[in-house]
N, C-alpha and C. Protein backbone atom coordinates (compact mmCIF):
# COMPACT_ATOMS: atom_id res chain seq x y z
N MET A 1 11.21 3.38 -21.82
CA MET A 1 9.86 3.95 -22.38
C MET A 1 9.09 4.34 -21.13
N ALA A 2 8.34 5.69 -21.29
CA ALA A 2 7.64 6.06 -20.18
C ALA A 2 6.11 6.10 -20.75
N THR A 3 5.18 5.64 -20.09
CA THR A 3 3.88 5.80 -20.49
C THR A 3 3.29 6.34 -19.32
N ASP A 4 2.25 7.57 -19.84
CA ASP A 4 1.28 7.87 -18.88
C ASP A 4 0.11 7.17 -18.44
N ILE A 5 0.15 6.04 -17.43
CA ILE A 5 -0.94 5.07 -17.30
C ILE A 5 -1.93 5.64 -16.94
N SER A 6 -2.22 7.03 -16.43
CA SER A 6 -3.52 7.44 -16.16
C SER A 6 -4.27 7.55 -17.46
N LYS A 7 -3.53 7.49 -18.54
CA LYS A 7 -4.53 7.78 -19.84
C LYS A 7 -4.76 6.38 -20.39
N ILE A 8 -4.46 5.22 -19.76
CA ILE A 8 -4.87 3.84 -20.36
C ILE A 8 -5.91 3.56 -19.44
N HIS A 9 -7.08 3.04 -20.01
CA HIS A 9 -8.46 2.68 -19.42
C HIS A 9 -8.82 1.57 -20.16
N GLU A 10 -10.19 0.96 -19.69
CA GLU A 10 -10.58 -0.20 -20.35
C GLU A 10 -11.27 -0.11 -22.15
N LYS A 11 -11.40 1.38 -22.32
CA LYS A 11 -11.69 1.51 -23.60
C LYS A 11 -10.41 2.29 -24.57
N SER A 12 -9.27 1.99 -23.93
CA SER A 12 -8.22 2.13 -24.83
C SER A 12 -7.98 1.35 -26.09
N PRO A 13 -7.59 1.88 -27.19
CA PRO A 13 -7.24 0.97 -28.22
C PRO A 13 -5.72 0.12 -27.72
N TRP A 14 -6.02 -1.02 -28.63
CA TRP A 14 -4.79 -2.08 -28.34
C TRP A 14 -3.47 -1.39 -28.56
N GLN A 15 -3.46 -0.43 -29.49
CA GLN A 15 -2.20 0.56 -29.73
C GLN A 15 -1.76 1.41 -28.71
N ASP A 16 -2.52 1.58 -27.90
CA ASP A 16 -2.01 2.42 -26.70
C ASP A 16 -1.67 1.64 -25.60
N ILE A 17 -1.85 0.46 -25.42
CA ILE A 17 -1.52 -0.34 -24.20
C ILE A 17 0.31 -0.82 -24.36
N THR A 18 0.70 -0.85 -23.15
CA THR A 18 2.10 -0.82 -23.07
C THR A 18 2.53 -2.24 -23.68
N PRO A 19 3.72 -2.49 -24.29
CA PRO A 19 4.18 -3.85 -24.83
C PRO A 19 4.33 -4.69 -23.36
N GLY A 20 3.56 -5.88 -23.66
CA GLY A 20 3.56 -7.03 -22.71
C GLY A 20 2.77 -6.57 -21.46
N ASN A 21 1.81 -5.36 -21.86
CA ASN A 21 1.05 -4.84 -20.61
C ASN A 21 1.68 -4.75 -19.50
N GLN A 22 2.98 -3.97 -19.61
CA GLN A 22 3.84 -3.87 -18.45
C GLN A 22 3.44 -2.60 -17.84
N ILE A 23 3.85 -2.21 -16.68
CA ILE A 23 3.37 -0.83 -15.84
C ILE A 23 4.84 -0.20 -15.81
N TYR A 24 4.60 1.11 -16.27
CA TYR A 24 5.97 1.85 -16.24
C TYR A 24 5.73 3.15 -15.62
N GLY A 25 4.53 3.08 -14.62
CA GLY A 25 4.11 4.21 -13.69
C GLY A 25 3.86 3.69 -12.50
N ALA A 26 3.54 4.62 -11.43
CA ALA A 26 3.42 4.25 -10.45
C ALA A 26 1.97 3.91 -10.28
N GLY A 27 1.53 3.20 -9.06
CA GLY A 27 0.14 2.82 -8.83
C GLY A 27 -1.01 4.01 -8.70
N THR A 28 -2.03 3.84 -8.75
CA THR A 28 -3.00 4.80 -8.82
C THR A 28 -3.81 4.55 -7.33
N SER A 29 -3.32 3.86 -6.53
CA SER A 29 -4.54 3.83 -5.21
C SER A 29 -4.59 5.04 -4.45
N LYS A 30 -3.65 5.90 -4.59
CA LYS A 30 -4.03 7.41 -4.03
C LYS A 30 -5.14 8.13 -4.85
N ASP A 31 -5.48 7.68 -5.75
CA ASP A 31 -6.58 8.25 -6.52
C ASP A 31 -7.77 7.86 -6.11
N PHE A 32 -7.73 6.66 -5.43
CA PHE A 32 -9.09 6.15 -5.00
C PHE A 32 -9.11 5.70 -3.62
N MET A 33 -10.23 5.74 -2.79
CA MET A 33 -10.45 4.95 -1.64
C MET A 33 -10.40 3.91 -1.70
N THR A 34 -9.56 2.96 -1.66
CA THR A 34 -9.25 1.57 -1.86
C THR A 34 -9.38 0.96 -0.67
N GLY A 35 -9.55 1.42 0.53
CA GLY A 35 -9.49 0.86 1.66
C GLY A 35 -10.91 0.05 2.23
N GLU A 36 -11.80 0.56 1.19
CA GLU A 36 -13.16 -0.14 1.61
C GLU A 36 -13.10 -1.52 0.88
N TRP A 37 -12.12 -2.14 0.52
CA TRP A 37 -11.78 -3.43 -0.12
C TRP A 37 -11.66 -4.21 0.99
N ARG A 38 -10.90 -3.73 1.95
CA ARG A 38 -10.20 -4.40 2.97
C ARG A 38 -11.27 -5.56 3.83
N THR A 39 -10.43 -6.60 4.27
CA THR A 39 -11.12 -7.44 4.86
C THR A 39 -10.38 -7.66 6.22
N GLN A 40 -9.24 -7.40 6.32
CA GLN A 40 -8.43 -7.57 7.46
C GLN A 40 -7.83 -5.90 7.54
N THR A 41 -7.66 -5.54 8.92
CA THR A 41 -7.27 -4.34 9.16
C THR A 41 -5.78 -4.68 10.20
N PRO A 42 -4.79 -3.65 9.60
CA PRO A 42 -3.33 -3.67 10.38
C PRO A 42 -3.79 -3.11 11.81
N VAL A 43 -3.22 -3.57 12.81
CA VAL A 43 -3.37 -3.00 14.22
C VAL A 43 -1.84 -2.66 14.57
N LEU A 44 -1.41 -1.32 14.99
CA LEU A 44 0.02 -1.31 15.66
C LEU A 44 -0.17 -1.40 17.08
N ASP A 45 0.63 -2.15 17.55
CA ASP A 45 0.97 -2.21 18.87
C ASP A 45 2.43 -1.26 19.44
N ALA A 46 1.94 -0.19 19.83
CA ALA A 46 2.86 0.90 20.09
C ALA A 46 4.25 0.63 21.03
N GLU A 47 3.65 0.03 21.75
CA GLU A 47 4.55 -0.76 22.83
C GLU A 47 5.75 -1.85 22.22
N LYS A 48 5.19 -2.44 21.32
CA LYS A 48 6.31 -3.28 20.69
C LYS A 48 7.09 -2.67 19.67
N CYS A 49 6.47 -1.50 19.06
CA CYS A 49 7.17 -0.92 17.78
C CYS A 49 8.21 -0.17 18.38
N THR A 50 9.59 -0.47 17.47
CA THR A 50 10.88 0.08 17.80
C THR A 50 11.19 1.16 16.73
N GLN A 51 10.23 1.60 16.02
CA GLN A 51 10.48 2.54 14.94
C GLN A 51 11.70 2.35 13.84
N CYS A 52 11.69 0.93 13.79
CA CYS A 52 12.71 0.32 12.87
C CYS A 52 12.53 0.67 11.43
N LEU A 53 11.14 0.95 11.10
CA LEU A 53 10.62 1.41 9.76
C LEU A 53 10.86 0.30 8.65
N LEU A 54 10.89 -0.91 9.05
CA LEU A 54 11.13 -2.01 8.33
C LEU A 54 9.57 -2.39 7.38
N CYS A 55 8.67 -2.22 8.13
CA CYS A 55 7.42 -2.07 7.44
C CYS A 55 7.07 -1.08 6.27
N THR A 56 7.71 -0.01 6.49
CA THR A 56 7.34 1.18 5.41
C THR A 56 7.75 0.92 4.12
N PRO A 57 8.54 0.24 3.60
CA PRO A 57 8.87 0.16 2.45
C PRO A 57 8.36 -1.07 1.75
N VAL A 58 7.86 -1.96 2.43
CA VAL A 58 7.28 -3.23 1.93
C VAL A 58 5.69 -3.14 1.65
N CYS A 59 5.16 -1.97 2.18
CA CYS A 59 3.56 -1.60 2.00
C CYS A 59 3.45 -1.37 0.42
N PRO A 60 2.68 -2.16 -0.25
CA PRO A 60 2.60 -2.00 -1.65
C PRO A 60 1.80 -0.60 -1.97
N ASP A 61 0.91 -0.11 -0.99
CA ASP A 61 0.08 1.06 -1.35
C ASP A 61 0.70 2.37 -0.56
N SER A 62 1.84 2.26 0.03
CA SER A 62 2.31 3.29 0.82
C SER A 62 1.49 3.87 1.79
N CYS A 63 0.81 2.83 2.57
CA CYS A 63 0.06 3.24 3.77
C CYS A 63 0.50 3.44 4.90
N ILE A 64 1.78 3.37 5.18
CA ILE A 64 2.67 3.69 6.31
C ILE A 64 3.42 4.95 6.10
N PRO A 65 2.59 6.12 6.66
CA PRO A 65 3.35 7.36 6.36
C PRO A 65 4.68 7.38 7.62
N VAL A 66 5.73 8.31 7.22
CA VAL A 66 6.72 8.47 8.00
C VAL A 66 6.98 10.03 8.22
N LYS A 67 7.11 10.28 9.41
CA LYS A 67 7.39 11.82 9.56
C LYS A 67 8.35 12.10 10.43
N ASP A 68 9.44 12.78 10.16
CA ASP A 68 10.67 12.95 11.09
C ASP A 68 11.21 11.34 11.73
N MET A 69 11.42 10.65 10.97
CA MET A 69 11.88 9.25 11.04
C MET A 69 11.13 8.52 11.88
N LYS A 70 10.03 8.68 12.17
CA LYS A 70 8.92 8.13 12.89
C LYS A 70 7.86 7.57 12.00
N ARG A 71 7.53 6.34 12.27
CA ARG A 71 6.09 6.06 11.31
C ARG A 71 4.94 6.47 12.02
N GLU A 72 4.02 6.74 11.39
CA GLU A 72 2.61 7.32 11.81
C GLU A 72 1.68 6.25 11.62
N ASP A 73 0.57 6.46 12.17
CA ASP A 73 -0.55 5.53 12.17
C ASP A 73 -1.00 5.24 10.45
N PHE A 74 -1.53 4.04 10.39
CA PHE A 74 -1.84 3.53 8.87
C PHE A 74 -2.77 4.45 8.42
N ASP A 75 -2.86 4.67 7.05
CA ASP A 75 -3.68 5.19 6.10
C ASP A 75 -4.50 4.14 5.81
N LEU A 76 -5.62 4.00 6.52
CA LEU A 76 -6.68 3.12 6.25
C LEU A 76 -7.67 3.21 5.39
N GLU A 77 -7.64 4.34 4.69
CA GLU A 77 -8.25 4.86 3.39
C GLU A 77 -8.03 4.22 2.31
N HIS A 78 -6.67 3.96 2.35
CA HIS A 78 -5.84 3.29 1.14
C HIS A 78 -5.58 1.78 1.21
N CYS A 79 -5.19 1.53 2.63
CA CYS A 79 -4.95 0.15 3.02
C CYS A 79 -5.94 -0.97 2.56
N LYS A 80 -5.31 -1.89 1.84
CA LYS A 80 -6.08 -3.09 1.45
C LYS A 80 -6.12 -4.17 2.43
N GLY A 81 -5.32 -4.22 3.38
CA GLY A 81 -5.28 -5.19 4.31
C GLY A 81 -4.60 -6.51 3.89
N CYS A 82 -3.40 -6.37 3.05
CA CYS A 82 -2.74 -7.59 2.70
C CYS A 82 -2.02 -8.22 3.65
N GLY A 83 -1.44 -7.51 4.77
CA GLY A 83 -0.81 -8.26 5.77
C GLY A 83 0.80 -8.34 5.55
N ILE A 84 1.29 -7.57 4.49
CA ILE A 84 2.60 -8.00 4.31
C ILE A 84 3.56 -6.99 5.35
N CYS A 85 2.90 -5.98 5.75
CA CYS A 85 3.56 -5.12 6.95
C CYS A 85 3.60 -6.18 8.36
N ALA A 86 2.87 -6.72 8.53
CA ALA A 86 2.72 -7.56 9.71
C ALA A 86 3.72 -8.59 9.76
N LYS A 87 3.83 -9.30 8.60
CA LYS A 87 4.83 -10.31 8.19
C LYS A 87 6.10 -9.81 8.27
N ALA A 88 6.38 -8.40 7.90
CA ALA A 88 7.67 -7.93 7.79
C ALA A 88 8.43 -7.46 9.20
N CYS A 89 7.49 -7.25 10.26
CA CYS A 89 7.64 -6.62 11.43
C CYS A 89 8.31 -7.79 12.53
N PRO A 90 9.80 -7.71 12.53
CA PRO A 90 10.42 -8.58 13.30
C PRO A 90 10.13 -8.40 14.47
N PHE A 91 9.47 -7.45 15.20
CA PHE A 91 9.12 -7.43 16.65
C PHE A 91 7.65 -7.68 17.01
N GLY A 92 7.03 -8.15 16.01
CA GLY A 92 5.43 -8.54 16.31
C GLY A 92 4.63 -7.18 16.71
N ALA A 93 4.75 -6.04 16.10
CA ALA A 93 4.37 -5.01 16.54
C ALA A 93 3.05 -4.76 15.66
N ILE A 94 2.93 -5.54 14.69
CA ILE A 94 1.78 -5.10 13.80
C ILE A 94 1.04 -6.62 13.48
N SER A 95 -0.50 -6.56 13.86
CA SER A 95 -1.25 -7.62 13.89
C SER A 95 -2.41 -7.37 13.05
N MET A 96 -3.00 -8.43 12.53
CA MET A 96 -4.18 -8.06 11.58
C MET A 96 -5.45 -8.48 12.39
N ARG A 97 -6.42 -7.85 12.24
CA ARG A 97 -7.73 -8.14 12.78
C ARG A 97 -8.83 -8.22 11.82
N GLU A 98 -9.63 -9.20 11.71
CA GLU A 98 -10.97 -9.25 11.04
C GLU A 98 -11.59 -7.96 10.79
N GLY A 99 -12.14 -7.69 9.64
CA GLY A 99 -12.99 -6.45 9.52
C GLY A 99 -12.37 -5.21 9.20
N GLN A 100 -13.18 -4.34 9.00
CA GLN A 100 -12.56 -2.82 8.79
C GLN A 100 -12.47 -2.18 10.05
């Protein structure tokens, strides 16, 4: 079942809600500047980064862009500061700091 979740909102009738309220589409974080919610900010230590890209697929908001097989700086306009990337980095190249 494919549902256009961009058409579901707080005033949608119950008939339009997906069964079990399941999500069948991609998130919408790119549509909004959700980075302002952040209370912690990821910081990359380029000296420690080996470009293994293990941080990229775990980011729930796709805030670690990759170009030419190399990670670029964080997309802080959309990063919510969850810290998953820092936990996934086996080299300690990502740390979290307080604030935006």
